[in-house]
Amino acid sequence: MEVSGERRAIALYDSKEDDQNILTPGNDIGVEEDRQEVEVKYDEFVAQVQRRASIDSREQAERAIEATLETLAERLIGGEPKDLAAQLPPELAAYLRQPFAGAGEDLTLDEFFEIVSKRENMPVAEAAFHARVVCGLLAEVVSMGEIENVRSQLPSDIRQLFEVENEGELPGQGVIDTSLQEQ
């Protein structure tokens, strides 16, 4: 279903773009996948986060996305935030291209959730749930090769945020409703 005013981005992922994307163990990008087209719609992404996390307003869903992606960008190393951003619409990609992106900040899962909580201005438990929803949805919309690259840079406790087997599944939470409410 097309939504009026919906913004759309088509990102091309080029695994030969820079030295950060050299094939390594655990990277399942094959030769035939050197360029992969990934289509992500910004409005749909925000609506899914809002629906899955039972967030009251679009603005709060956008804050949850921003807080999670900025924190993730700081945890990743080198050009990985840029590589992830290449598969997302410009509105989402901007959160991964902030000044401390690629710093490789050493964080535990609890510290990750605390930072998201402060940025989102929400209690830690609520912000943690929102972050799980955002990361789970990222794992659904970004290529498997890129998610594996992201996961390879994370400690096991944060890596589990991207372990989604089925659409609408939330790590540690099971399946959640993925349908969009008609407005």
N, C-alpha and C. Protein backbone atom coordinates (compact mmCIF):
# COMPACT_ATOMS: atom_id res chain seq x y z
N MET A 1 0.84 -1.18 0.00
CA MET A 1 0.00 0.00 0.00
C MET A 1 0.88 1.24 0.00
N GLU A 2 0.71 2.12 -0.94
CA GLU A 2 1.46 3.37 -1.02
C GLU A 2 0.86 4.39 -0.07
N VAL A 3 1.71 5.09 0.62
CA VAL A 3 1.27 6.12 1.54
C VAL A 3 1.64 7.46 0.94
N SER A 4 0.71 8.38 0.95
CA SER A 4 0.94 9.71 0.41
C SER A 4 2.12 10.36 1.12
N GLY A 5 3.02 10.93 0.36
CA GLY A 5 4.17 11.61 0.95
C GLY A 5 5.25 10.67 1.43
N GLU A 6 5.12 9.41 1.13
CA GLU A 6 6.10 8.43 1.60
C GLU A 6 7.44 8.67 0.92
N ARG A 7 8.50 8.68 1.72
CA ARG A 7 9.82 8.84 1.18
C ARG A 7 10.41 7.46 0.94
N ARG A 8 11.19 7.31 -0.09
CA ARG A 8 11.69 6.00 -0.47
C ARG A 8 13.16 6.13 -0.85
N ALA A 9 13.95 5.15 -0.47
CA ALA A 9 15.36 5.14 -0.83
C ALA A 9 15.72 3.77 -1.36
N ILE A 10 16.53 3.76 -2.38
CA ILE A 10 17.10 2.52 -2.87
C ILE A 10 18.60 2.69 -2.73
N ALA A 11 19.20 1.84 -1.93
CA ALA A 11 20.63 1.93 -1.67
C ALA A 11 21.33 0.79 -2.40
N LEU A 12 22.46 1.11 -3.00
CA LEU A 12 23.27 0.07 -3.61
C LEU A 12 24.44 -0.21 -2.69
N TYR A 13 24.61 -1.46 -2.37
CA TYR A 13 25.69 -1.87 -1.49
C TYR A 13 26.79 -2.43 -2.37
N ASP A 14 27.96 -1.82 -2.30
CA ASP A 14 29.09 -2.26 -3.10
C ASP A 14 30.16 -2.77 -2.15
N SER A 15 30.36 -4.09 -2.13
CA SER A 15 31.31 -4.67 -1.19
C SER A 15 32.75 -4.36 -1.55
N LYS A 16 33.01 -3.81 -2.74
CA LYS A 16 34.38 -3.47 -3.13
C LYS A 16 34.65 -1.99 -2.98
N GLU A 17 33.73 -1.28 -2.35
CA GLU A 17 33.81 0.18 -2.26
C GLU A 17 35.04 0.64 -1.48
N ASP A 18 35.40 -0.02 -0.41
CA ASP A 18 36.55 0.38 0.39
C ASP A 18 37.17 -0.83 1.06
N ASP A 19 38.29 -0.59 1.72
CA ASP A 19 39.02 -1.68 2.36
C ASP A 19 38.29 -2.26 3.56
N GLN A 20 37.29 -1.58 4.09
CA GLN A 20 36.55 -2.07 5.24
C GLN A 20 35.68 -3.27 4.89
N ASN A 21 35.45 -3.51 3.62
CA ASN A 21 34.54 -4.57 3.20
C ASN A 21 35.23 -5.75 2.56
N ILE A 22 36.47 -6.01 2.89
CA ILE A 22 37.16 -7.17 2.37
C ILE A 22 36.49 -8.42 2.93
N LEU A 23 36.32 -9.42 2.10
CA LEU A 23 35.69 -10.66 2.55
C LEU A 23 36.54 -11.29 3.64
N THR A 24 35.91 -11.60 4.75
CA THR A 24 36.58 -12.21 5.89
C THR A 24 35.74 -13.36 6.39
N PRO A 25 36.31 -14.25 7.22
CA PRO A 25 35.49 -15.33 7.78
C PRO A 25 34.28 -14.75 8.50
N GLY A 26 33.14 -15.34 8.28
CA GLY A 26 31.91 -14.85 8.89
C GLY A 26 31.17 -13.86 8.01
N ASN A 27 31.83 -13.39 6.95
CA ASN A 27 31.18 -12.46 6.03
C ASN A 27 30.64 -13.29 4.88
N ASP A 28 29.33 -13.40 4.78
CA ASP A 28 28.74 -14.30 3.78
C ASP A 28 28.43 -13.62 2.46
N ILE A 29 29.03 -12.45 2.22
CA ILE A 29 28.82 -11.79 0.94
C ILE A 29 29.65 -12.55 -0.09
N GLY A 30 29.01 -13.11 -1.08
CA GLY A 30 29.69 -13.86 -2.12
C GLY A 30 29.94 -12.98 -3.33
N VAL A 31 30.66 -13.52 -4.29
CA VAL A 31 30.98 -12.78 -5.49
C VAL A 31 29.72 -12.31 -6.21
N GLU A 32 28.70 -13.17 -6.25
CA GLU A 32 27.48 -12.81 -6.94
C GLU A 32 26.68 -11.73 -6.22
N GLU A 33 27.08 -11.41 -4.99
CA GLU A 33 26.37 -10.39 -4.24
C GLU A 33 27.19 -9.13 -4.06
N ASP A 34 28.18 -8.90 -4.94
CA ASP A 34 29.02 -7.71 -4.81
C ASP A 34 28.21 -6.43 -4.82
N ARG A 35 27.15 -6.38 -5.58
CA ARG A 35 26.24 -5.24 -5.57
C ARG A 35 24.85 -5.77 -5.30
N GLN A 36 24.28 -5.31 -4.23
CA GLN A 36 22.95 -5.79 -3.87
C GLN A 36 22.05 -4.59 -3.66
N GLU A 37 20.89 -4.61 -4.29
CA GLU A 37 19.93 -3.53 -4.13
C GLU A 37 19.05 -3.84 -2.93
N VAL A 38 18.96 -2.88 -2.04
CA VAL A 38 18.13 -3.04 -0.86
C VAL A 38 17.18 -1.86 -0.82
N GLU A 39 15.89 -2.13 -0.73
CA GLU A 39 14.89 -1.08 -0.72
C GLU A 39 14.31 -0.95 0.68
N VAL A 40 14.38 0.23 1.23
CA VAL A 40 13.85 0.50 2.55
C VAL A 40 13.06 1.80 2.47
N LYS A 41 11.87 1.82 2.99
CA LYS A 41 11.04 3.02 3.00
C LYS A 41 11.07 3.61 4.41
N TYR A 42 11.46 4.87 4.47
CA TYR A 42 11.59 5.54 5.77
C TYR A 42 10.28 5.53 6.55
N ASP A 43 9.21 5.98 5.93
CA ASP A 43 7.94 6.06 6.65
C ASP A 43 7.48 4.70 7.14
N GLU A 44 7.70 3.68 6.33
CA GLU A 44 7.31 2.32 6.74
C GLU A 44 8.16 1.84 7.91
N PHE A 45 9.47 2.14 7.87
CA PHE A 45 10.36 1.75 8.96
C PHE A 45 9.90 2.39 10.27
N VAL A 46 9.62 3.69 10.24
CA VAL A 46 9.17 4.40 11.43
C VAL A 46 7.83 3.82 11.92
N ALA A 47 6.91 3.58 10.98
CA ALA A 47 5.60 3.04 11.35
C ALA A 47 5.73 1.65 11.98
N GLN A 48 6.63 0.83 11.45
CA GLN A 48 6.84 -0.51 12.02
C GLN A 48 7.41 -0.41 13.43
N VAL A 49 8.38 0.46 13.64
CA VAL A 49 8.93 0.65 14.99
C VAL A 49 7.82 1.12 15.93
N GLN A 50 7.05 2.09 15.49
CA GLN A 50 5.97 2.62 16.32
C GLN A 50 4.97 1.52 16.68
N ARG A 51 4.58 0.73 15.70
CA ARG A 51 3.60 -0.34 15.92
C ARG A 51 4.16 -1.46 16.79
N ARG A 52 5.34 -1.96 16.43
CA ARG A 52 5.92 -3.10 17.14
C ARG A 52 6.26 -2.77 18.59
N ALA A 53 6.68 -1.54 18.83
CA ALA A 53 7.06 -1.13 20.18
C ALA A 53 5.91 -0.49 20.94
N SER A 54 4.74 -0.42 20.32
CA SER A 54 3.56 0.22 20.94
C SER A 54 3.87 1.62 21.43
N ILE A 55 4.50 2.40 20.55
CA ILE A 55 4.86 3.78 20.86
C ILE A 55 3.70 4.67 20.43
N ASP A 56 3.33 5.61 21.29
CA ASP A 56 2.15 6.46 21.05
C ASP A 56 2.27 7.41 19.86
N SER A 57 3.46 7.98 19.65
CA SER A 57 3.58 9.00 18.59
C SER A 57 4.71 8.67 17.62
N ARG A 58 4.56 9.19 16.43
CA ARG A 58 5.59 9.04 15.40
C ARG A 58 6.89 9.69 15.87
N GLU A 59 6.78 10.84 16.51
CA GLU A 59 7.96 11.57 16.97
C GLU A 59 8.75 10.73 17.99
N GLN A 60 8.05 10.06 18.88
CA GLN A 60 8.73 9.22 19.86
C GLN A 60 9.39 8.02 19.18
N ALA A 61 8.75 7.46 18.17
CA ALA A 61 9.35 6.36 17.41
C ALA A 61 10.62 6.84 16.71
N GLU A 62 10.57 8.05 16.15
CA GLU A 62 11.76 8.61 15.50
C GLU A 62 12.88 8.84 16.52
N ARG A 63 12.55 9.28 17.73
CA ARG A 63 13.56 9.45 18.79
C ARG A 63 14.18 8.11 19.16
N ALA A 64 13.37 7.07 19.24
CA ALA A 64 13.87 5.74 19.57
C ALA A 64 14.83 5.24 18.49
N ILE A 65 14.47 5.47 17.25
CA ILE A 65 15.34 5.07 16.13
C ILE A 65 16.65 5.85 16.17
N GLU A 66 16.55 7.16 16.33
CA GLU A 66 17.74 8.01 16.38
C GLU A 66 18.66 7.60 17.52
N ALA A 67 18.11 7.43 18.71
CA ALA A 67 18.92 7.06 19.87
C ALA A 67 19.62 5.72 19.67
N THR A 68 18.91 4.77 19.12
CA THR A 68 19.50 3.44 18.91
C THR A 68 20.58 3.47 17.84
N LEU A 69 20.29 4.09 16.70
CA LEU A 69 21.27 4.10 15.61
C LEU A 69 22.51 4.92 15.95
N GLU A 70 22.35 6.04 16.66
CA GLU A 70 23.53 6.81 17.06
C GLU A 70 24.41 6.02 18.02
N THR A 71 23.80 5.32 18.96
CA THR A 71 24.56 4.52 19.92
C THR A 71 25.24 3.36 19.21
N LEU A 72 24.54 2.71 18.31
CA LEU A 72 25.13 1.62 17.53
C LEU A 72 26.31 2.13 16.72
N ALA A 73 26.16 3.29 16.08
CA ALA A 73 27.24 3.86 15.26
C ALA A 73 28.50 4.10 16.08
N GLU A 74 28.35 4.52 17.32
CA GLU A 74 29.51 4.75 18.19
C GLU A 74 30.16 3.45 18.61
N ARG A 75 29.41 2.37 18.66
CA ARG A 75 29.94 1.07 19.07
C ARG A 75 30.70 0.38 17.93
N LEU A 76 30.28 0.64 16.69
CA LEU A 76 30.92 0.01 15.54
C LEU A 76 32.28 0.65 15.26
N ILE A 77 33.09 -0.05 14.48
CA ILE A 77 34.47 0.36 14.24
C ILE A 77 34.65 0.80 12.78
N GLY A 78 35.45 1.84 12.60
CA GLY A 78 35.87 2.27 11.26
C GLY A 78 34.73 2.66 10.36
N GLY A 79 34.72 2.08 9.16
CA GLY A 79 33.73 2.42 8.15
C GLY A 79 32.44 1.63 8.22
N GLU A 80 32.27 0.79 9.24
CA GLU A 80 31.07 -0.04 9.32
C GLU A 80 29.78 0.77 9.44
N PRO A 81 29.74 1.86 10.23
CA PRO A 81 28.51 2.66 10.25
C PRO A 81 28.15 3.21 8.86
N LYS A 82 29.16 3.60 8.10
CA LYS A 82 28.93 4.11 6.75
C LYS A 82 28.40 2.99 5.84
N ASP A 83 28.93 1.80 5.98
CA ASP A 83 28.46 0.67 5.18
C ASP A 83 27.01 0.33 5.49
N LEU A 84 26.66 0.36 6.76
CA LEU A 84 25.29 0.10 7.17
C LEU A 84 24.37 1.22 6.65
N ALA A 85 24.83 2.45 6.77
CA ALA A 85 24.05 3.61 6.31
C ALA A 85 23.75 3.54 4.82
N ALA A 86 24.64 2.93 4.05
CA ALA A 86 24.46 2.85 2.60
C ALA A 86 23.23 2.04 2.21
N GLN A 87 22.72 1.23 3.13
CA GLN A 87 21.56 0.40 2.83
C GLN A 87 20.27 0.96 3.43
N LEU A 88 20.34 2.17 3.93
CA LEU A 88 19.18 2.78 4.58
C LEU A 88 18.81 4.10 3.91
N PRO A 89 17.56 4.53 4.09
CA PRO A 89 17.17 5.84 3.54
C PRO A 89 18.01 6.94 4.18
N PRO A 90 18.15 8.07 3.51
CA PRO A 90 18.97 9.17 4.02
C PRO A 90 18.58 9.61 5.44
N GLU A 91 17.30 9.59 5.75
CA GLU A 91 16.85 10.02 7.08
C GLU A 91 17.40 9.11 8.18
N LEU A 92 17.48 7.82 7.92
CA LEU A 92 18.05 6.87 8.89
C LEU A 92 19.57 6.87 8.83
N ALA A 93 20.11 6.97 7.63
CA ALA A 93 21.56 6.95 7.44
C ALA A 93 22.24 8.09 8.20
N ALA A 94 21.57 9.24 8.30
CA ALA A 94 22.15 10.40 8.98
C ALA A 94 22.52 10.07 10.42
N TYR A 95 21.74 9.23 11.08
CA TYR A 95 22.02 8.87 12.48
C TYR A 95 23.28 8.03 12.61
N LEU A 96 23.66 7.36 11.54
CA LEU A 96 24.86 6.51 11.55
C LEU A 96 26.10 7.28 11.11
N ARG A 97 25.91 8.53 10.69
CA ARG A 97 27.03 9.33 10.18
C ARG A 97 27.36 10.49 11.09
N GLN A 98 27.09 10.35 12.37
CA GLN A 98 27.37 11.43 13.31
C GLN A 98 28.86 11.44 13.66
N PRO A 99 29.37 12.49 14.33
CA PRO A 99 30.81 12.67 14.53
C PRO A 99 31.56 11.50 15.19
N PHE A 100 30.94 10.79 16.12
CA PHE A 100 31.65 9.72 16.81
C PHE A 100 31.38 8.34 16.20
N ALA A 101 30.76 8.31 15.05
CA ALA A 101 30.50 7.04 14.37
C ALA A 101 31.82 6.36 14.04
N GLY A 102 31.88 5.07 14.27
CA GLY A 102 33.08 4.29 13.98
C GLY A 102 34.13 4.34 15.06
N ALA A 103 33.82 4.94 16.21
CA ALA A 103 34.79 5.07 17.29
C ALA A 103 35.10 3.74 17.97
N GLY A 104 34.20 2.78 17.85
CA GLY A 104 34.43 1.47 18.46
C GLY A 104 34.35 1.52 19.98
N GLU A 105 33.47 2.35 20.49
CA GLU A 105 33.29 2.48 21.94
C GLU A 105 32.98 1.13 22.56
N ASP A 106 33.72 0.78 23.60
CA ASP A 106 33.55 -0.50 24.27
C ASP A 106 32.38 -0.42 25.25
N LEU A 107 31.27 -1.05 24.89
CA LEU A 107 30.06 -1.00 25.71
C LEU A 107 29.53 -2.39 25.99
N THR A 108 28.96 -2.55 27.18
CA THR A 108 28.20 -3.76 27.47
C THR A 108 26.77 -3.51 26.99
N LEU A 109 25.95 -4.54 27.01
CA LEU A 109 24.56 -4.38 26.61
C LEU A 109 23.85 -3.41 27.56
N ASP A 110 24.10 -3.52 28.86
CA ASP A 110 23.47 -2.61 29.82
C ASP A 110 23.88 -1.16 29.57
N GLU A 111 25.16 -0.94 29.27
CA GLU A 111 25.63 0.42 28.97
C GLU A 111 25.01 0.92 27.67
N PHE A 112 24.90 0.05 26.68
CA PHE A 112 24.24 0.40 25.42
C PHE A 112 22.83 0.89 25.69
N PHE A 113 22.07 0.11 26.48
CA PHE A 113 20.69 0.49 26.80
C PHE A 113 20.63 1.78 27.61
N GLU A 114 21.57 2.00 28.52
CA GLU A 114 21.59 3.23 29.32
C GLU A 114 21.79 4.45 28.44
N ILE A 115 22.68 4.36 27.47
CA ILE A 115 22.93 5.49 26.56
C ILE A 115 21.70 5.75 25.70
N VAL A 116 21.09 4.68 25.18
CA VAL A 116 19.87 4.84 24.39
C VAL A 116 18.80 5.51 25.25
N SER A 117 18.68 5.08 26.50
CA SER A 117 17.70 5.64 27.43
C SER A 117 17.88 7.14 27.61
N LYS A 118 19.12 7.57 27.82
CA LYS A 118 19.40 9.00 27.99
C LYS A 118 19.08 9.79 26.73
N ARG A 119 19.46 9.25 25.59
CA ARG A 119 19.21 9.95 24.33
C ARG A 119 17.73 10.02 23.99
N GLU A 120 17.03 8.96 24.34
CA GLU A 120 15.60 8.89 24.04
C GLU A 120 14.77 9.58 25.11
N ASN A 121 15.40 9.85 26.27
CA ASN A 121 14.72 10.44 27.41
C ASN A 121 13.56 9.57 27.88
N MET A 122 13.86 8.28 28.04
CA MET A 122 12.89 7.28 28.48
C MET A 122 13.53 6.42 29.56
N PRO A 123 12.71 5.76 30.39
CA PRO A 123 13.27 4.82 31.36
C PRO A 123 14.04 3.71 30.64
N VAL A 124 15.06 3.17 31.29
CA VAL A 124 15.93 2.17 30.66
C VAL A 124 15.15 0.97 30.13
N ALA A 125 14.21 0.45 30.88
CA ALA A 125 13.47 -0.74 30.43
C ALA A 125 12.71 -0.46 29.14
N GLU A 126 12.09 0.70 29.07
CA GLU A 126 11.33 1.06 27.87
C GLU A 126 12.27 1.32 26.68
N ALA A 127 13.36 2.03 26.93
CA ALA A 127 14.33 2.31 25.87
C ALA A 127 14.98 1.01 25.39
N ALA A 128 15.22 0.07 26.28
CA ALA A 128 15.81 -1.22 25.90
C ALA A 128 14.87 -1.97 24.96
N PHE A 129 13.58 -1.95 25.27
CA PHE A 129 12.61 -2.60 24.39
C PHE A 129 12.59 -1.93 23.03
N HIS A 130 12.60 -0.60 23.01
CA HIS A 130 12.62 0.14 21.75
C HIS A 130 13.87 -0.21 20.93
N ALA A 131 15.03 -0.25 21.60
CA ALA A 131 16.28 -0.59 20.92
C ALA A 131 16.22 -2.00 20.33
N ARG A 132 15.62 -2.93 21.05
CA ARG A 132 15.47 -4.30 20.52
C ARG A 132 14.59 -4.30 19.27
N VAL A 133 13.54 -3.52 19.29
CA VAL A 133 12.66 -3.44 18.13
C VAL A 133 13.41 -2.84 16.93
N VAL A 134 14.13 -1.74 17.15
CA VAL A 134 14.87 -1.09 16.07
C VAL A 134 15.92 -2.05 15.49
N CYS A 135 16.69 -2.69 16.35
CA CYS A 135 17.73 -3.61 15.86
C CYS A 135 17.13 -4.82 15.16
N GLY A 136 16.04 -5.35 15.70
CA GLY A 136 15.38 -6.47 15.06
C GLY A 136 14.87 -6.10 13.67
N LEU A 137 14.31 -4.91 13.53
CA LEU A 137 13.82 -4.46 12.24
C LEU A 137 14.99 -4.21 11.28
N LEU A 138 16.09 -3.65 11.77
CA LEU A 138 17.28 -3.48 10.94
C LEU A 138 17.72 -4.82 10.36
N ALA A 139 17.71 -5.86 11.21
CA ALA A 139 18.13 -7.19 10.76
C ALA A 139 17.22 -7.72 9.66
N GLU A 140 15.99 -7.24 9.60
CA GLU A 140 15.05 -7.66 8.55
C GLU A 140 15.24 -6.90 7.24
N VAL A 141 15.64 -5.62 7.31
CA VAL A 141 15.64 -4.79 6.11
C VAL A 141 17.01 -4.61 5.46
N VAL A 142 18.07 -4.95 6.16
CA VAL A 142 19.42 -4.80 5.64
C VAL A 142 19.89 -6.18 5.16
N SER A 143 20.78 -6.20 4.19
CA SER A 143 21.27 -7.47 3.66
C SER A 143 21.91 -8.31 4.76
N MET A 144 21.80 -9.62 4.62
CA MET A 144 22.37 -10.54 5.61
C MET A 144 23.88 -10.34 5.72
N GLY A 145 24.54 -10.09 4.61
CA GLY A 145 25.98 -9.87 4.64
C GLY A 145 26.35 -8.67 5.50
N GLU A 146 25.60 -7.59 5.36
CA GLU A 146 25.89 -6.39 6.16
C GLU A 146 25.58 -6.63 7.63
N ILE A 147 24.47 -7.31 7.92
CA ILE A 147 24.16 -7.61 9.33
C ILE A 147 25.26 -8.47 9.93
N GLU A 148 25.79 -9.42 9.18
CA GLU A 148 26.89 -10.25 9.69
C GLU A 148 28.13 -9.40 9.93
N ASN A 149 28.40 -8.42 9.07
CA ASN A 149 29.53 -7.51 9.29
C ASN A 149 29.33 -6.72 10.58
N VAL A 150 28.13 -6.22 10.80
CA VAL A 150 27.82 -5.48 12.02
C VAL A 150 27.99 -6.39 13.24
N ARG A 151 27.39 -7.57 13.18
CA ARG A 151 27.44 -8.51 14.30
C ARG A 151 28.88 -8.91 14.65
N SER A 152 29.73 -9.02 13.63
CA SER A 152 31.11 -9.44 13.87
C SER A 152 31.89 -8.43 14.71
N GLN A 153 31.41 -7.19 14.76
CA GLN A 153 32.09 -6.15 15.54
C GLN A 153 31.53 -5.98 16.94
N LEU A 154 30.51 -6.72 17.27
CA LEU A 154 29.83 -6.52 18.55
C LEU A 154 30.12 -7.66 19.52
N PRO A 155 30.18 -7.34 20.82
CA PRO A 155 30.29 -8.43 21.80
C PRO A 155 29.01 -9.25 21.80
N SER A 156 29.09 -10.46 22.28
CA SER A 156 27.95 -11.39 22.18
C SER A 156 26.67 -10.84 22.80
N ASP A 157 26.77 -10.08 23.88
CA ASP A 157 25.54 -9.58 24.51
C ASP A 157 24.82 -8.56 23.62
N ILE A 158 25.56 -7.73 22.88
CA ILE A 158 24.92 -6.78 21.97
C ILE A 158 24.59 -7.47 20.64
N ARG A 159 25.43 -8.39 20.22
CA ARG A 159 25.21 -9.13 18.96
C ARG A 159 23.83 -9.79 18.93
N GLN A 160 23.37 -10.28 20.08
CA GLN A 160 22.07 -10.96 20.12
C GLN A 160 20.90 -10.05 19.74
N LEU A 161 21.09 -8.74 19.74
CA LEU A 161 20.04 -7.81 19.31
C LEU A 161 19.71 -7.99 17.82
N PHE A 162 20.63 -8.59 17.08
CA PHE A 162 20.45 -8.76 15.63
C PHE A 162 20.16 -10.21 15.25
N GLU A 163 19.87 -11.05 16.21
CA GLU A 163 19.57 -12.46 15.94
C GLU A 163 18.07 -12.66 15.81
N VAL A 164 17.58 -12.35 14.63
CA VAL A 164 16.15 -12.46 14.33
C VAL A 164 16.00 -13.52 13.25
N GLU A 165 15.23 -14.56 13.54
CA GLU A 165 15.05 -15.66 12.59
C GLU A 165 13.86 -15.43 11.66
N ASN A 166 12.80 -14.81 12.17
CA ASN A 166 11.57 -14.62 11.40
C ASN A 166 11.12 -13.17 11.48
N GLU A 167 10.45 -12.71 10.43
CA GLU A 167 9.94 -11.35 10.41
C GLU A 167 9.04 -11.12 11.62
N GLY A 168 9.23 -9.99 12.26
CA GLY A 168 8.40 -9.63 13.40
C GLY A 168 8.88 -10.23 14.71
N GLU A 169 9.99 -10.96 14.68
CA GLU A 169 10.48 -11.58 15.90
C GLU A 169 11.42 -10.62 16.62
N LEU A 170 11.34 -10.65 17.91
CA LEU A 170 12.18 -9.80 18.73
C LEU A 170 13.06 -10.70 19.58
N PRO A 171 14.39 -10.55 19.51
CA PRO A 171 15.26 -11.43 20.29
C PRO A 171 14.84 -11.45 21.76
N GLY A 172 14.60 -12.65 22.28
CA GLY A 172 14.21 -12.81 23.67
C GLY A 172 12.75 -12.52 23.95
N GLN A 173 12.00 -12.10 22.93
CA GLN A 173 10.61 -11.72 23.13
C GLN A 173 9.64 -12.55 22.31
N GLY A 174 10.13 -13.28 21.30
CA GLY A 174 9.24 -14.04 20.43
C GLY A 174 8.67 -13.16 19.32
N VAL A 175 7.60 -13.62 18.72
CA VAL A 175 6.99 -12.91 17.60
C VAL A 175 6.07 -11.81 18.13
N ILE A 176 6.18 -10.65 17.50
CA ILE A 176 5.29 -9.54 17.83
C ILE A 176 4.49 -9.19 16.59
N ASP A 177 3.41 -8.50 16.75
CA ASP A 177 2.53 -8.15 15.64
C ASP A 177 3.24 -7.20 14.69
N THR A 178 3.28 -7.56 13.39
CA THR A 178 3.96 -6.73 12.42
C THR A 178 3.00 -5.96 11.53
N SER A 179 1.72 -6.13 11.71
CA SER A 179 0.77 -5.46 10.82
C SER A 179 0.71 -3.97 11.13
N LEU A 180 0.52 -3.20 10.10
CA LEU A 180 0.37 -1.76 10.26
C LEU A 180 -1.11 -1.44 10.40
N GLN A 181 -1.42 -0.57 11.34
CA GLN A 181 -2.82 -0.15 11.48
C GLN A 181 -3.13 0.83 10.38
N GLU A 182 -4.28 0.67 9.77
CA GLU A 182 -4.71 1.60 8.73
C GLU A 182 -5.19 2.87 9.41
N GLN A 183 -4.74 3.98 8.88
CA GLN A 183 -5.10 5.27 9.46
C GLN A 183 -6.39 5.77 8.88
